[in-house]
Amino acid sequence: MELSAEYLREKLQRDLEAEHVEVEDTTPKRCASSFRVLVVSAKFRGKPLLQRHRLVNTCLAEELLHIHAFEQKTLTPEQWGRELQK
């Protein structure tokens, strides 16, 4: 499976109805396929961190089988707004 930052970004944006997604391919710094993502979605409202991460992991279940390292940050639109004001 050929994984790219753009592919992951589009899938996360579509499946989680995200208003903002950033995907960084960190593979060049490591020995195997690795990515860092930031996902902003209203679907995260009222959910603790573990449930948010499970939503992302479920969305990318097939892809995660081929990814060695995966970092994620999940925010609601309100949390993202506060981050932008910092």
Protein backbone atom coordinates (compact mmCIF):
# COMPACT_ATOMS: atom_id res chain seq x y z
CA MET A 1 0.00 0.00 0.00
CA GLU A 2 1.36 3.40 -1.01
CA LEU A 3 0.69 5.88 1.78
CA SER A 4 1.09 9.61 1.37
CA ALA A 5 0.37 12.59 3.57
CA GLU A 6 -2.16 13.84 1.01
CA TYR A 7 -4.02 10.51 0.93
CA LEU A 8 -4.26 10.39 4.74
CA ARG A 9 -5.33 14.05 4.90
CA GLU A 10 -8.15 13.54 2.40
CA LYS A 11 -9.41 10.39 4.12
CA LEU A 12 -9.41 11.98 7.58
CA GLN A 13 -11.09 15.11 6.28
CA ARG A 14 -13.81 13.16 4.48
CA ASP A 15 -14.53 10.44 7.05
CA LEU A 16 -14.34 12.61 10.18
CA GLU A 17 -15.95 15.64 8.51
CA ALA A 18 -12.92 17.58 9.71
CA GLU A 19 -12.70 21.30 9.21
CA HIS A 20 -8.90 21.22 9.39
CA VAL A 21 -6.36 18.42 8.92
CA GLU A 22 -2.57 18.58 8.86
CA VAL A 23 -0.49 15.52 8.04
CA GLU A 24 3.29 15.49 8.24
CA ASP A 25 5.24 12.59 6.79
CA THR A 26 8.01 12.03 9.34
CA THR A 27 9.38 8.95 7.58
CA PRO A 28 12.67 10.60 6.49
CA LYS A 29 13.59 11.02 10.18
CA ARG A 30 12.90 7.36 10.95
CA CYS A 31 13.57 3.89 9.60
CA ALA A 32 9.96 3.07 8.62
CA SER A 33 6.71 4.71 7.56
CA SER A 34 5.63 7.33 10.09
CA PHE A 35 3.21 10.25 10.23
CA ARG A 36 2.11 13.06 12.56
CA VAL A 37 -1.46 14.35 12.23
CA LEU A 38 -3.59 17.17 13.58
CA VAL A 39 -7.34 16.72 13.13
CA VAL A 40 -9.98 19.34 13.99
CA SER A 41 -13.51 17.96 13.94
CA ALA A 42 -16.87 18.70 15.53
CA LYS A 43 -17.19 14.91 15.96
CA PHE A 44 -14.73 15.23 18.86
CA ARG A 45 -17.06 17.44 20.93
CA GLY A 46 -17.85 15.90 24.30
CA LYS A 47 -15.44 13.01 23.78
CA PRO A 48 -12.39 12.31 25.93
CA LEU A 49 -8.98 12.00 24.29
CA LEU A 50 -9.06 8.20 24.10
CA GLN A 51 -12.37 8.19 22.21
CA ARG A 52 -11.07 10.85 19.82
CA HIS A 53 -7.98 8.80 19.08
CA ARG A 54 -10.12 5.71 18.56
CA LEU A 55 -12.18 7.61 15.95
CA VAL A 56 -8.98 8.46 14.07
CA ASN A 57 -7.62 4.93 14.45
CA THR A 58 -10.87 3.43 13.18
CA CYS A 59 -10.86 5.78 10.20
CA LEU A 60 -7.31 4.71 9.31
CA ALA A 61 -7.52 1.07 10.48
CA GLU A 62 -6.30 -0.41 7.18
CA GLU A 63 -3.57 2.19 6.73
CA LEU A 64 -2.26 1.81 10.30
CA LEU A 65 -1.36 -1.78 9.52
CA HIS A 66 1.38 -0.34 7.26
CA ILE A 67 2.49 2.57 9.45
CA HIS A 68 5.29 2.07 11.96
CA ALA A 69 4.85 5.27 14.00
CA PHE A 70 1.75 7.45 14.23
CA GLU A 71 1.32 10.60 16.36
CA GLN A 72 -2.00 12.37 16.56
CA LYS A 73 -3.47 15.52 18.03
CA THR A 74 -7.26 15.80 18.03
CA LEU A 75 -9.11 19.04 18.71
CA THR A 76 -12.65 20.37 18.58
CA PRO A 77 -13.20 23.51 16.47
CA GLU A 78 -13.38 25.53 19.71
CA GLN A 79 -10.06 24.16 20.96
CA TRP A 80 -8.50 24.85 17.55
CA GLY A 81 -9.73 28.44 17.70
CA ARG A 82 -8.04 28.90 21.07
CA GLU A 83 -4.81 27.35 19.71
CA LEU A 84 -4.78 29.84 16.84
CA GLN A 85 -5.12 32.76 19.26
CA LYS A 86 -1.99 31.78 21.21
